[in-house]
């Protein structure tokens, strides 16, 4: 990996440090702090993408000091470095006439405590040769998907502008679904249901499913509070059972026998509150199975709509920001409504 130490982040202007988490634009190679890239949401040099231009360090940073090459592994280190950042070997000190003082390098390629370069003093080599056993992590927002990859007629790079959040999950899922017809269950959509769709700005379908689920939950709570519980207490009192103590197995059979003697309409109303949660679960399972496909069609549709209506790149970017991404507000509203509906029995009693 190219040593970016000292190079300034295009967003915040702060120089990169060896410990920084750096991401690189897959299109032009421009480096960013991961937090800065996520904050902006796109490469600052997008206007140059597709022209063959690639990012290069500023000239003053390229010539700021002569890089020191490690005599053991050949890694290029920043000027003034005392040890190789790759293998830990002490580096020769630069002298004024452009030569090097090799007295800093221990004889026979050994470190200051007698170990071989890249080893700890007790002969244990860190994994991958990196100090502390860790390699720097480079975040790829496209998750290895080419920006020119076609997803139902739309470029993956354009689809990423719609997704914006968690592109590293959705882009590979979309590509695998189109190329290999592989389906993947979306657990977030399964857990949140219609709220997930509102979060991903599938407003129409999300609103419909959210209303259906809320109606089922409130109806079940209403029937429980106003019909099932009073009827159950009435049956228990008629049999002489106390409602404050647990029923034995024999007593439960007697209660069930009384329930089965009720008219068919009353039996349906009695058991309906038990069926409502099952119906909600089935709806959530269906959403989890179909969420990725619906969201893919939604994103591709937005890309094609913007391509057809936008007159220039600036207008297109504005539309991507408005129509793409996520909505925390609608997610919060849906979750609050769901919480109220699931506890509505306390308001109905």
C-alpha atoms as a PDB file:
ATOM      1  CA  UNK A   1       0.000   0.000   0.000  1.00  0.00           C
ATOM      2  CA  UNK A   2       1.246   3.507  -0.823  1.00  0.00           C
ATOM      3  CA  UNK A   3       2.581   5.420   2.170  1.00  0.00           C
ATOM      4  CA  UNK A   4       0.223   8.385   2.631  1.00  0.00           C
ATOM      5  CA  UNK A   5       1.819   9.700   5.826  1.00  0.00           C
ATOM      6  CA  UNK A   6       1.927  13.485   5.675  1.00  0.00           C
ATOM      7  CA  UNK A   7      -0.493  13.709   2.748  1.00  0.00           C
ATOM      8  CA  UNK A   8      -3.469  15.918   3.567  1.00  0.00           C
ATOM      9  CA  UNK A   9      -7.071  14.691   3.478  1.00  0.00           C
ATOM     10  CA  UNK A  10      -8.997  16.628   0.773  1.00  0.00           C
ATOM     11  CA  UNK A  11     -11.970  17.071   3.142  1.00  0.00           C
ATOM     12  CA  UNK A  12     -10.546  18.147   6.512  1.00  0.00           C
ATOM     13  CA  UNK A  13      -7.082  19.204   5.329  1.00  0.00           C
ATOM     14  CA  UNK A  14      -5.362  17.286   8.141  1.00  0.00           C
ATOM     15  CA  UNK A  15      -2.325  15.158   7.231  1.00  0.00           C
ATOM     16  CA  UNK A  16      -2.695  11.392   7.392  1.00  0.00           C
ATOM     17  CA  UNK A  17      -0.985   9.572  10.234  1.00  0.00           C
ATOM     18  CA  UNK A  18       0.157   5.926  10.122  1.00  0.00           C
ATOM     19  CA  UNK A  19      -2.591   4.940  12.581  1.00  0.00           C
ATOM     20  CA  UNK A  20      -5.405   6.675  10.632  1.00  0.00           C
ATOM     21  CA  UNK A  21      -8.206   4.672   8.985  1.00  0.00           C
ATOM     22  CA  UNK A  22      -7.876   5.668   5.325  1.00  0.00           C
ATOM     23  CA  UNK A  23     -10.230   4.921   2.427  1.00  0.00           C
ATOM     24  CA  UNK A  24      -9.422   5.358  -1.239  1.00  0.00           C
ATOM     25  CA  UNK A  25     -11.811   6.296  -4.037  1.00  0.00           C
ATOM     26  CA  UNK A  26     -11.998   3.266  -6.362  1.00  0.00           C
ATOM     27  CA  UNK A  27     -12.428   5.546  -9.371  1.00  0.00           C
ATOM     28  CA  UNK A  28      -9.531   8.026  -9.063  1.00  0.00           C
ATOM     29  CA  UNK A  29      -7.538   6.810  -6.055  1.00  0.00           C
ATOM     30  CA  UNK A  30      -8.032   9.933  -3.907  1.00  0.00           C
ATOM     31  CA  UNK A  31      -7.454   9.156  -0.192  1.00  0.00           C
ATOM     32  CA  UNK A  32      -9.752  10.264   2.638  1.00  0.00           C
ATOM     33  CA  UNK A  33     -10.202   9.698   6.334  1.00  0.00           C
ATOM     34  CA  UNK A  34     -13.031   7.198   6.521  1.00  0.00           C
ATOM     35  CA  UNK A  35     -15.062   9.525   8.783  1.00  0.00           C
ATOM     36  CA  UNK A  36     -14.554  12.386   6.321  1.00  0.00           C
ATOM     37  CA  UNK A  37     -15.637  10.257   3.346  1.00  0.00           C
ATOM     38  CA  UNK A  38     -18.749   9.055   5.160  1.00  0.00           C
ATOM     39  CA  UNK A  39     -19.554  12.638   6.158  1.00  0.00           C
ATOM     40  CA  UNK A  40     -19.340  13.936   2.575  1.00  0.00           C
ATOM     41  CA  UNK A  41     -20.815  10.789   1.020  1.00  0.00           C
ATOM     42  CA  UNK A  42     -18.933  10.996  -2.268  1.00  0.00           C
ATOM     43  CA  UNK A  43     -15.533  11.713  -3.813  1.00  0.00           C
ATOM     44  CA  UNK A  44     -14.689  15.416  -4.090  1.00  0.00           C
ATOM     45  CA  UNK A  45     -13.205  14.794  -7.532  1.00  0.00           C
ATOM     46  CA  UNK A  46     -16.320  13.229  -9.079  1.00  0.00           C
ATOM     47  CA  UNK A  47     -16.302  15.818 -11.830  1.00  0.00           C
ATOM     48  CA  UNK A  48     -13.037  14.326 -13.116  1.00  0.00           C
ATOM     49  CA  UNK A  49     -14.153  10.688 -13.010  1.00  0.00           C
ATOM     50  CA  UNK A  50     -14.258   8.960 -16.366  1.00  0.00           C
ATOM     51  CA  UNK A  51     -11.708  11.302 -17.952  1.00  0.00           C
ATOM     52  CA  UNK A  52      -8.694   9.141 -17.204  1.00  0.00           C
ATOM     53  CA  UNK A  53      -7.550  11.473 -14.427  1.00  0.00           C
ATOM     54  CA  UNK A  54      -6.102   9.902 -11.302  1.00  0.00           C
ATOM     55  CA  UNK A  55      -5.249  11.529  -8.009  1.00  0.00           C
ATOM     56  CA  UNK A  56      -1.597  12.378  -7.297  1.00  0.00           C
ATOM     57  CA  UNK A  57      -0.096  13.818  -4.093  1.00  0.00           C
ATOM     58  CA  UNK A  58       0.511  17.586  -4.201  1.00  0.00           C
ATOM     59  CA  UNK A  59       3.949  18.469  -5.563  1.00  0.00           C
ATOM     60  CA  UNK A  60       5.112  19.991  -2.293  1.00  0.00           C
ATOM     61  CA  UNK A  61       4.261  16.740  -0.511  1.00  0.00           C
ATOM     62  CA  UNK A  62       5.953  14.596  -3.132  1.00  0.00           C
ATOM     63  CA  UNK A  63       9.272  16.383  -2.737  1.00  0.00           C
ATOM     64  CA  UNK A  64       9.143  17.099   0.980  1.00  0.00           C
ATOM     65  CA  UNK A  65      12.231  15.195   1.996  1.00  0.00           C
ATOM     66  CA  UNK A  66      13.843  12.176   0.440  1.00  0.00           C
ATOM     67  CA  UNK A  67      12.146   8.862   1.148  1.00  0.00           C
ATOM     68  CA  UNK A  68      14.233   6.304   3.007  1.00  0.00           C
ATOM     69  CA  UNK A  69      14.187   2.780   1.602  1.00  0.00           C
ATOM     70  CA  UNK A  70      14.470  -0.083   4.056  1.00  0.00           C
ATOM     71  CA  UNK A  71      17.670  -2.131   3.462  1.00  0.00           C
ATOM     72  CA  UNK A  72      15.846  -5.311   4.489  1.00  0.00           C
ATOM     73  CA  UNK A  73      12.403  -5.281   2.840  1.00  0.00           C
ATOM     74  CA  UNK A  74      12.747  -2.374   0.392  1.00  0.00           C
ATOM     75  CA  UNK A  75       9.720  -0.502   1.763  1.00  0.00           C
ATOM     76  CA  UNK A  76       9.747   3.269   1.151  1.00  0.00           C
ATOM     77  CA  UNK A  77       9.513   5.234   4.406  1.00  0.00           C
ATOM     78  CA  UNK A  78       8.983   8.915   5.125  1.00  0.00           C
ATOM     79  CA  UNK A  79      12.060  11.095   5.480  1.00  0.00           C
ATOM     80  CA  UNK A  80      13.210  11.257   9.085  1.00  0.00           C
ATOM     81  CA  UNK A  81      11.780   7.861  10.026  1.00  0.00           C
ATOM     82  CA  UNK A  82      13.984   5.911  12.436  1.00  0.00           C
ATOM     83  CA  UNK A  83      12.474   2.457  11.853  1.00  0.00           C
ATOM     84  CA  UNK A  84      10.841   0.796   8.842  1.00  0.00           C
ATOM     85  CA  UNK A  85       7.076   0.985   9.265  1.00  0.00           C
ATOM     86  CA  UNK A  86       6.746  -2.364   7.456  1.00  0.00           C
ATOM     87  CA  UNK A  87       9.253  -4.682   9.137  1.00  0.00           C
ATOM     88  CA  UNK A  88      10.638  -2.592  12.005  1.00  0.00           C
ATOM     89  CA  UNK A  89      14.262  -2.594  10.809  1.00  0.00           C
ATOM     90  CA  UNK A  90      16.280   0.504  11.926  1.00  0.00           C
ATOM     91  CA  UNK A  91      16.790   2.810   8.947  1.00  0.00           C
ATOM     92  CA  UNK A  92      20.135   4.346   7.880  1.00  0.00           C
ATOM     93  CA  UNK A  93      20.423   8.032   8.809  1.00  0.00           C
ATOM     94  CA  UNK A  94      20.606  10.501   5.948  1.00  0.00           C
ATOM     95  CA  UNK A  95      23.613  12.834   5.892  1.00  0.00           C
ATOM     96  CA  UNK A  96      23.953  16.280   4.392  1.00  0.00           C
ATOM     97  CA  UNK A  97      25.779  15.189   1.241  1.00  0.00           C
ATOM     98  CA  UNK A  98      22.958  12.878   0.188  1.00  0.00           C
ATOM     99  CA  UNK A  99      24.683   9.680   1.388  1.00  0.00           C
ATOM    100  CA  UNK A 100      23.646   7.444   4.256  1.00  0.00           C
ATOM    101  CA  UNK A 101      25.206   6.432   7.509  1.00  0.00           C
ATOM    102  CA  UNK A 102      24.926   2.658   7.680  1.00  0.00           C
ATOM    103  CA  UNK A 103      26.182   2.513  11.258  1.00  0.00           C
ATOM    104  CA  UNK A 104      22.568   2.597  12.406  1.00  0.00           C
ATOM    105  CA  UNK A 105      21.922  -0.780  10.771  1.00  0.00           C
ATOM    106  CA  UNK A 106      22.962  -3.715  12.982  1.00  0.00           C
ATOM    107  CA  UNK A 107      25.342  -6.214  11.325  1.00  0.00           C
ATOM    108  CA  UNK A 108      24.029  -9.362   9.666  1.00  0.00           C
ATOM    109  CA  UNK A 109      20.533  -7.886   9.386  1.00  0.00           C
ATOM    110  CA  UNK A 110      19.825  -8.197  13.088  1.00  0.00           C
ATOM    111  CA  UNK A 111      17.763  -5.852  15.213  1.00  0.00           C
ATOM    112  CA  UNK A 112      19.050  -4.001  18.264  1.00  0.00           C
ATOM    113  CA  UNK A 113      18.314  -6.989  20.544  1.00  0.00           C
ATOM    114  CA  UNK A 114      19.683  -9.631  18.172  1.00  0.00           C
ATOM    115  CA  UNK A 115      16.396 -10.604  16.535  1.00  0.00           C
ATOM    116  CA  UNK A 116      15.922 -10.760  12.785  1.00  0.00           C
ATOM    117  CA  UNK A 117      14.080  -7.863  11.135  1.00  0.00           C
ATOM    118  CA  UNK A 118      10.333  -8.271  11.469  1.00  0.00           C
ATOM    119  CA  UNK A 119      10.697 -10.418  14.613  1.00  0.00           C
ATOM    120  CA  UNK A 120      10.060  -9.630  18.247  1.00  0.00           C
ATOM    121  CA  UNK A 121      13.012  -9.930  20.679  1.00  0.00           C
ATOM    122  CA  UNK A 122      11.857 -13.457  21.584  1.00  0.00           C
ATOM    123  CA  UNK A 123      11.828 -14.771  18.042  1.00  0.00           C
ATOM    124  CA  UNK A 124       8.116 -14.484  17.360  1.00  0.00           C
ATOM    125  CA  UNK A 125       7.244 -12.877  14.054  1.00  0.00           C
ATOM    126  CA  UNK A 126       4.118 -10.690  14.048  1.00  0.00           C
ATOM    127  CA  UNK A 127       1.469 -11.893  11.575  1.00  0.00           C
ATOM    128  CA  UNK A 128       1.904 -10.535   8.050  1.00  0.00           C
ATOM    129  CA  UNK A 129       5.137  -8.829   9.115  1.00  0.00           C
ATOM    130  CA  UNK A 130       3.240  -5.771  10.382  1.00  0.00           C
ATOM    131  CA  UNK A 131       4.064  -4.300  13.791  1.00  0.00           C
ATOM    132  CA  UNK A 132       1.510  -5.383  16.412  1.00  0.00           C
ATOM    133  CA  UNK A 133       0.186  -7.970  13.942  1.00  0.00           C
ATOM    134  CA  UNK A 134      -2.332  -5.697  12.206  1.00  0.00           C
ATOM    135  CA  UNK A 135      -2.477  -4.416   8.653  1.00  0.00           C
ATOM    136  CA  UNK A 136      -4.118  -1.085   7.850  1.00  0.00           C
ATOM    137  CA  UNK A 137      -7.756  -1.440   6.791  1.00  0.00           C
ATOM    138  CA  UNK A 138      -8.936   0.250   3.593  1.00  0.00           C
ATOM    139  CA  UNK A 139     -12.721   0.705   3.361  1.00  0.00           C
ATOM    140  CA  UNK A 140     -14.211   0.289  -0.107  1.00  0.00           C
ATOM    141  CA  UNK A 141     -17.753   1.756  -0.206  1.00  0.00           C
ATOM    142  CA  UNK A 142     -18.424  -0.217  -3.412  1.00  0.00           C
ATOM    143  CA  UNK A 143     -17.357  -3.515  -1.777  1.00  0.00           C
ATOM    144  CA  UNK A 144     -15.359  -4.506  -4.853  1.00  0.00           C
ATOM    145  CA  UNK A 145     -18.172  -3.770  -7.316  1.00  0.00           C
ATOM    146  CA  UNK A 146     -17.083  -1.798 -10.378  1.00  0.00           C
ATOM    147  CA  UNK A 147     -18.858   1.585 -10.724  1.00  0.00           C
ATOM    148  CA  UNK A 148     -19.616   0.639 -14.353  1.00  0.00           C
ATOM    149  CA  UNK A 149     -21.230  -2.691 -13.398  1.00  0.00           C
ATOM    150  CA  UNK A 150     -24.772  -2.892 -14.785  1.00  0.00           C
ATOM    151  CA  UNK A 151     -27.642  -3.459 -12.351  1.00  0.00           C
ATOM    152  CA  UNK A 152     -30.854  -3.838 -14.366  1.00  0.00           C
ATOM    153  CA  UNK A 153     -29.627  -1.229 -16.837  1.00  0.00           C
ATOM    154  CA  UNK A 154     -28.257   1.237 -14.261  1.00  0.00           C
ATOM    155  CA  UNK A 155     -24.586   1.679 -13.381  1.00  0.00           C
ATOM    156  CA  UNK A 156     -23.561   0.505  -9.924  1.00  0.00           C
ATOM    157  CA  UNK A 157     -21.893   3.855  -9.270  1.00  0.00           C
ATOM    158  CA  UNK A 158     -25.208   5.635  -9.849  1.00  0.00           C
ATOM    159  CA  UNK A 159     -27.106   3.100  -7.733  1.00  0.00           C
ATOM    160  CA  UNK A 160     -24.623   3.761  -4.916  1.00  0.00           C
ATOM    161  CA  UNK A 161     -25.609   7.442  -5.024  1.00  0.00           C
ATOM    162  CA  UNK A 162     -29.182   6.389  -4.281  1.00  0.00           C
ATOM    163  CA  UNK A 163     -28.321   3.874  -1.554  1.00  0.00           C
ATOM    164  CA  UNK A 164     -25.738   6.150   0.137  1.00  0.00           C
ATOM    165  CA  UNK A 165     -25.901   4.327   3.487  1.00  0.00           C
ATOM    166  CA  UNK A 166     -24.522   0.753   3.756  1.00  0.00           C
ATOM    167  CA  UNK A 167     -23.547   0.497   0.082  1.00  0.00           C
ATOM    168  CA  UNK A 168     -21.024  -2.218   0.943  1.00  0.00           C
ATOM    169  CA  UNK A 169     -23.960  -4.535   1.742  1.00  0.00           C
ATOM    170  CA  UNK A 170     -26.515  -3.627  -0.917  1.00  0.00           C
ATOM    171  CA  UNK A 171     -24.326  -3.339  -4.032  1.00  0.00           C
ATOM    172  CA  UNK A 172     -22.953  -6.928  -3.872  1.00  0.00           C
ATOM    173  CA  UNK A 173     -26.464  -8.184  -3.052  1.00  0.00           C
ATOM    174  CA  UNK A 174     -27.898  -6.376  -6.091  1.00  0.00           C
ATOM    175  CA  UNK A 175     -25.144  -7.628  -8.421  1.00  0.00           C
ATOM    176  CA  UNK A 176     -25.444 -11.234  -7.206  1.00  0.00           C
ATOM    177  CA  UNK A 177     -29.220 -11.119  -7.641  1.00  0.00           C
ATOM    178  CA  UNK A 178     -28.927  -9.870 -11.232  1.00  0.00           C
ATOM    179  CA  UNK A 179     -25.981 -12.024 -12.333  1.00  0.00           C
ATOM    180  CA  UNK A 180     -26.480 -15.255 -10.409  1.00  0.00           C
ATOM    181  CA  UNK A 181     -30.147 -14.978  -9.294  1.00  0.00           C
ATOM    182  CA  UNK A 182     -29.067 -15.307  -5.673  1.00  0.00           C
ATOM    183  CA  UNK A 183     -31.497 -14.062  -3.057  1.00  0.00           C
ATOM    184  CA  UNK A 184     -30.483 -12.907   0.384  1.00  0.00           C
ATOM    185  CA  UNK A 185     -32.727 -12.539   3.401  1.00  0.00           C
ATOM    186  CA  UNK A 186     -32.734  -8.998   4.810  1.00  0.00           C
ATOM    187  CA  UNK A 187     -32.824  -9.283   8.612  1.00  0.00           C
ATOM    188  CA  UNK A 188     -33.158  -5.527   9.122  1.00  0.00           C
ATOM    189  CA  UNK A 189     -36.284  -5.488   6.948  1.00  0.00           C
ATOM    190  CA  UNK A 190     -37.601  -8.594   8.752  1.00  0.00           C
ATOM    191  CA  UNK A 191     -37.204  -6.980  12.174  1.00  0.00           C
ATOM    192  CA  UNK A 192     -38.465  -3.495  11.257  1.00  0.00           C
ATOM    193  CA  UNK A 193     -41.064  -4.382   8.627  1.00  0.00           C
ATOM    194  CA  UNK A 194     -42.755  -1.340   7.136  1.00  0.00           C
ATOM    195  CA  UNK A 195     -40.518   0.936   9.219  1.00  0.00           C
ATOM    196  CA  UNK A 196     -37.512  -0.334   7.236  1.00  0.00           C
ATOM    197  CA  UNK A 197     -39.233   0.626   3.979  1.00  0.00           C
ATOM    198  CA  UNK A 198     -39.975   4.110   5.286  1.00  0.00           C
ATOM    199  CA  UNK A 199     -36.340   4.333   6.402  1.00  0.00           C
ATOM    200  CA  UNK A 200     -35.209   3.433   2.868  1.00  0.00           C
ATOM    201  CA  UNK A 201     -37.734   5.898   1.368  1.00  0.00           C
ATOM    202  CA  UNK A 202     -40.078   3.303  -0.133  1.00  0.00           C
ATOM    203  CA  UNK A 203     -42.808   5.528   1.191  1.00  0.00           C
ATOM    204  CA  UNK A 204     -45.947   4.174  -0.499  1.00  0.00           C
ATOM    205  CA  UNK A 205     -45.460   0.473   0.197  1.00  0.00           C
ATOM    206  CA  UNK A 206     -43.897   1.212   3.582  1.00  0.00           C
ATOM    207  CA  UNK A 207     -46.898   3.287   4.660  1.00  0.00           C
ATOM    208  CA  UNK A 208     -49.375   0.621   3.504  1.00  0.00           C
ATOM    209  CA  UNK A 209     -47.605  -2.223   5.324  1.00  0.00           C
ATOM    210  CA  UNK A 210     -47.073  -0.132   8.454  1.00  0.00           C
ATOM    211  CA  UNK A 211     -50.789   0.733   8.615  1.00  0.00           C
ATOM    212  CA  UNK A 212     -51.766  -2.931   8.082  1.00  0.00           C
ATOM    213  CA  UNK A 213     -49.452  -4.170  10.844  1.00  0.00           C
ATOM    214  CA  UNK A 214     -50.543  -1.417  13.245  1.00  0.00           C
ATOM    215  CA  UNK A 215     -54.200  -2.228  12.528  1.00  0.00           C
ATOM    216  CA  UNK A 216     -53.602  -5.923  13.256  1.00  0.00           C
ATOM    217  CA  UNK A 217     -51.794  -5.134  16.504  1.00  0.00           C
ATOM    218  CA  UNK A 218     -54.413  -2.655  17.727  1.00  0.00           C
ATOM    219  CA  UNK A 219     -57.290  -4.975  16.745  1.00  0.00           C
ATOM    220  CA  UNK A 220     -55.696  -7.864  18.604  1.00  0.00           C
ATOM    221  CA  UNK A 221     -55.145  -5.711  21.693  1.00  0.00           C
ATOM    222  CA  UNK A 222     -58.729  -4.405  21.518  1.00  0.00           C
ATOM    223  CA  UNK A 223     -60.275  -7.887  21.261  1.00  0.00           C
ATOM    224  CA  UNK A 224     -58.094  -9.115  24.114  1.00  0.00           C
ATOM    225  CA  UNK A 225     -59.069  -6.257  26.431  1.00  0.00           C
ATOM    226  CA  UNK A 226     -62.769  -6.014  25.545  1.00  0.00           C
ATOM    227  CA  UNK A 227     -63.777  -9.592  24.668  1.00  0.00           C
ATOM    228  CA  UNK A 228     -61.301 -12.449  25.256  1.00  0.00           C
ATOM    229  CA  UNK A 229     -60.191 -11.567  28.803  1.00  0.00           C
ATOM    230  CA  UNK A 230     -63.707 -10.764  30.122  1.00  0.00           C
ATOM    231  CA  UNK A 231     -65.083 -13.940  28.529  1.00  0.00           C
ATOM    232  CA  UNK A 232     -62.280 -16.029  30.017  1.00  0.00           C
ATOM    233  CA  UNK A 233     -62.915 -14.569  33.486  1.00  0.00           C
ATOM    234  CA  UNK A 234     -66.633 -15.262  33.106  1.00  0.00           C
ATOM    235  CA  UNK A 235     -65.968 -18.916  32.221  1.00  0.00           C
ATOM    236  CA  UNK A 236     -63.536 -19.336  35.132  1.00  0.00           C
ATOM    237  CA  UNK A 237     -66.022 -17.817  37.588  1.00  0.00           C
ATOM    238  CA  UNK A 238     -68.773 -20.096  36.311  1.00  0.00           C
ATOM    239  CA  UNK A 239     -66.538 -23.083  37.026  1.00  0.00           C
ATOM    240  CA  UNK A 240     -65.568 -21.743  40.441  1.00  0.00           C
ATOM    241  CA  UNK A 241     -61.912 -21.121  39.556  1.00  0.00           C
ATOM    242  CA  UNK A 242     -59.976 -18.193  40.983  1.00  0.00           C
ATOM    243  CA  UNK A 243     -58.399 -15.758  38.525  1.00  0.00           C
ATOM    244  CA  UNK A 244     -55.557 -14.980  40.930  1.00  0.00           C
ATOM    245  CA  UNK A 245     -54.074 -18.498  40.989  1.00  0.00           C
ATOM    246  CA  UNK A 246     -52.616 -20.694  38.278  1.00  0.00           C
ATOM    247  CA  UNK A 247     -54.871 -23.318  36.756  1.00  0.00           C
ATOM    248  CA  UNK A 248     -54.021 -26.996  36.855  1.00  0.00           C
ATOM    249  CA  UNK A 249     -53.989 -29.060  33.693  1.00  0.00           C
ATOM    250  CA  UNK A 250     -57.407 -30.545  34.508  1.00  0.00           C
ATOM    251  CA  UNK A 251     -58.873 -27.084  35.130  1.00  0.00           C
ATOM    252  CA  UNK A 252     -57.451 -25.815  31.823  1.00  0.00           C
ATOM    253  CA  UNK A 253     -59.190 -28.703  30.020  1.00  0.00           C
ATOM    254  CA  UNK A 254     -62.453 -27.732  31.678  1.00  0.00           C
ATOM    255  CA  UNK A 255     -62.051 -24.099  30.577  1.00  0.00           C
ATOM    256  CA  UNK A 256     -61.207 -25.202  27.027  1.00  0.00           C
ATOM    257  CA  UNK A 257     -64.318 -27.383  26.980  1.00  0.00           C
ATOM    258  CA  UNK A 258     -66.456 -24.382  27.924  1.00  0.00           C
ATOM    259  CA  UNK A 259     -64.838 -22.291  25.193  1.00  0.00           C
ATOM    260  CA  UNK A 260     -65.554 -24.960  22.579  1.00  0.00           C
ATOM    261  CA  UNK A 261     -69.230 -24.888  23.585  1.00  0.00           C
ATOM    262  CA  UNK A 262     -69.495 -21.214  22.612  1.00  0.00           C
ATOM    263  CA  UNK A 263     -71.141 -20.213  19.298  1.00  0.00           C
ATOM    264  CA  UNK A 264     -68.813 -20.196  16.293  1.00  0.00           C
ATOM    265  CA  UNK A 265     -68.763 -16.397  16.107  1.00  0.00           C
ATOM    266  CA  UNK A 266     -67.720 -16.031  19.738  1.00  0.00           C
ATOM    267  CA  UNK A 267     -65.077 -18.720  19.332  1.00  0.00           C
ATOM    268  CA  UNK A 268     -63.603 -16.847  16.363  1.00  0.00           C
ATOM    269  CA  UNK A 269     -63.469 -13.590  18.330  1.00  0.00           C
ATOM    270  CA  UNK A 270     -61.947 -15.420  21.301  1.00  0.00           C
ATOM    271  CA  UNK A 271     -59.094 -16.942  19.282  1.00  0.00           C
ATOM    272  CA  UNK A 272     -58.575 -14.016  16.898  1.00  0.00           C
ATOM    273  CA  UNK A 273     -56.138 -12.145  19.209  1.00  0.00           C
ATOM    274  CA  UNK A 274     -53.898 -15.234  19.131  1.00  0.00           C
ATOM    275  CA  UNK A 275     -53.922 -15.266  15.321  1.00  0.00           C
ATOM    276  CA  UNK A 276     -53.023 -11.582  14.909  1.00  0.00           C
ATOM    277  CA  UNK A 277     -49.344 -11.937  16.010  1.00  0.00           C
ATOM    278  CA  UNK A 278     -48.935 -14.883  13.637  1.00  0.00           C
ATOM    279  CA  UNK A 279     -50.250 -12.753  10.764  1.00  0.00           C
ATOM    280  CA  UNK A 280     -47.810  -9.962  11.687  1.00  0.00           C
ATOM    281  CA  UNK A 281     -44.941 -12.471  11.784  1.00  0.00           C
ATOM    282  CA  UNK A 282     -45.867 -13.800   8.334  1.00  0.00           C
ATOM    283  CA  UNK A 283     -45.905 -10.257   6.933  1.00  0.00           C
ATOM    284  CA  UNK A 284     -42.456  -9.556   8.388  1.00  0.00           C
ATOM    285  CA  UNK A 285     -41.054 -12.793   6.946  1.00  0.00           C
ATOM    286  CA  UNK A 286     -42.385 -11.887   3.494  1.00  0.00           C
ATOM    287  CA  UNK A 287     -40.845  -8.416   3.803  1.00  0.00           C
ATOM    288  CA  UNK A 288     -37.481  -9.919   4.789  1.00  0.00           C
ATOM    289  CA  UNK A 289     -37.546 -12.263   1.785  1.00  0.00           C
ATOM    290  CA  UNK A 290     -38.505  -9.608  -0.774  1.00  0.00           C
ATOM    291  CA  UNK A 291     -36.922  -6.429   0.652  1.00  0.00           C
ATOM    292  CA  UNK A 292     -33.677  -6.529  -1.346  1.00  0.00           C
ATOM    293  CA  UNK A 293     -35.508  -7.108  -4.624  1.00  0.00           C
ATOM    294  CA  UNK A 294     -37.983  -4.294  -3.980  1.00  0.00           C
ATOM    295  CA  UNK A 295     -35.215  -1.931  -2.912  1.00  0.00           C
ATOM    296  CA  UNK A 296     -33.137  -2.797  -5.990  1.00  0.00           C
ATOM    297  CA  UNK A 297     -36.045  -1.939  -8.285  1.00  0.00           C
ATOM    298  CA  UNK A 298     -36.631   1.259  -6.313  1.00  0.00           C
ATOM    299  CA  UNK A 299     -32.990   2.375  -6.644  1.00  0.00           C
ATOM    300  CA  UNK A 300     -32.767   1.512 -10.347  1.00  0.00           C
ATOM    301  CA  UNK A 301     -36.022   3.363 -10.973  1.00  0.00           C
ATOM    302  CA  UNK A 302     -34.678   6.505  -9.284  1.00  0.00           C
ATOM    303  CA  UNK A 303     -31.440   6.343 -11.310  1.00  0.00           C
ATOM    304  CA  UNK A 304     -33.338   6.105 -14.593  1.00  0.00           C
ATOM    305  CA  UNK A 305     -35.733   8.853 -13.525  1.00  0.00           C
ATOM    306  CA  UNK A 306     -32.873  11.222 -12.662  1.00  0.00           C
ATOM    307  CA  UNK A 307     -30.993  10.374 -15.874  1.00  0.00           C
ATOM    308  CA  UNK A 308     -34.092  11.284 -17.853  1.00  0.00           C
ATOM    309  CA  UNK A 309     -34.940  14.508 -16.006  1.00  0.00           C
ATOM    310  CA  UNK A 310     -31.644  16.057 -14.846  1.00  0.00           C
ATOM    311  CA  UNK A 311     -30.184  18.660 -17.206  1.00  0.00           C
ATOM    312  CA  UNK A 312     -26.695  18.726 -15.685  1.00  0.00           C
ATOM    313  CA  UNK A 313     -24.563  16.967 -13.093  1.00  0.00           C
ATOM    314  CA  UNK A 314     -25.305  19.471 -10.320  1.00  0.00           C
ATOM    315  CA  UNK A 315     -29.048  19.013 -10.699  1.00  0.00           C
ATOM    316  CA  UNK A 316     -28.569  15.242 -10.726  1.00  0.00           C
ATOM    317  CA  UNK A 317     -26.581  15.372  -7.470  1.00  0.00           C
ATOM    318  CA  UNK A 318     -29.311  17.463  -5.831  1.00  0.00           C
ATOM    319  CA  UNK A 319     -31.946  14.916  -6.860  1.00  0.00           C
ATOM    320  CA  UNK A 320     -29.803  12.038  -5.589  1.00  0.00           C
ATOM    321  CA  UNK A 321     -29.551  13.746  -2.204  1.00  0.00           C
ATOM    322  CA  UNK A 322     -33.318  14.353  -2.067  1.00  0.00           C
ATOM    323  CA  UNK A 323     -34.553  10.985  -3.349  1.00  0.00           C
ATOM    324  CA  UNK A 324     -31.734   8.728  -2.150  1.00  0.00           C
ATOM    325  CA  UNK A 325     -30.282   7.878   1.226  1.00  0.00           C
ATOM    326  CA  UNK A 326     -32.377   7.157   4.303  1.00  0.00           C
ATOM    327  CA  UNK A 327     -34.991   8.916   6.437  1.00  0.00           C
ATOM    328  CA  UNK A 328     -34.352   8.805  10.179  1.00  0.00           C
ATOM    329  CA  UNK A 329     -37.487  10.882  10.791  1.00  0.00           C
ATOM    330  CA  UNK A 330     -39.904   8.382   9.224  1.00  0.00           C
ATOM    331  CA  UNK A 331     -38.130   5.471  10.892  1.00  0.00           C
ATOM    332  CA  UNK A 332     -38.564   7.137  14.289  1.00  0.00           C
ATOM    333  CA  UNK A 333     -42.245   7.906  13.633  1.00  0.00           C
ATOM    334  CA  UNK A 334     -42.954   4.313  12.560  1.00  0.00           C
ATOM    335  CA  UNK A 335     -41.181   2.816  15.583  1.00  0.00           C
ATOM    336  CA  UNK A 336     -42.992   5.123  18.012  1.00  0.00           C
ATOM    337  CA  UNK A 337     -46.352   4.213  16.442  1.00  0.00           C
ATOM    338  CA  UNK A 338     -45.480   0.513  16.664  1.00  0.00           C
ATOM    339  CA  UNK A 339     -44.527   0.888  20.335  1.00  0.00           C
ATOM    340  CA  UNK A 340     -47.829   2.616  21.104  1.00  0.00           C
ATOM    341  CA  UNK A 341     -49.835  -0.009  19.179  1.00  0.00           C
ATOM    342  CA  UNK A 342     -48.141  -2.937  20.910  1.00  0.00           C
ATOM    343  CA  UNK A 343     -49.018  -1.435  24.308  1.00  0.00           C
ATOM    344  CA  UNK A 344     -52.478  -0.161  23.394  1.00  0.00           C
ATOM    345  CA  UNK A 345     -54.077  -2.749  25.689  1.00  0.00           C
ATOM    346  CA  UNK A 346     -53.160  -0.525  28.643  1.00  0.00           C
ATOM    347  CA  UNK A 347     -55.187   2.308  27.111  1.00  0.00           C
ATOM    348  CA  UNK A 348     -58.172   0.064  26.338  1.00  0.00           C
ATOM    349  CA  UNK A 349     -58.596  -1.581  29.728  1.00  0.00           C
END
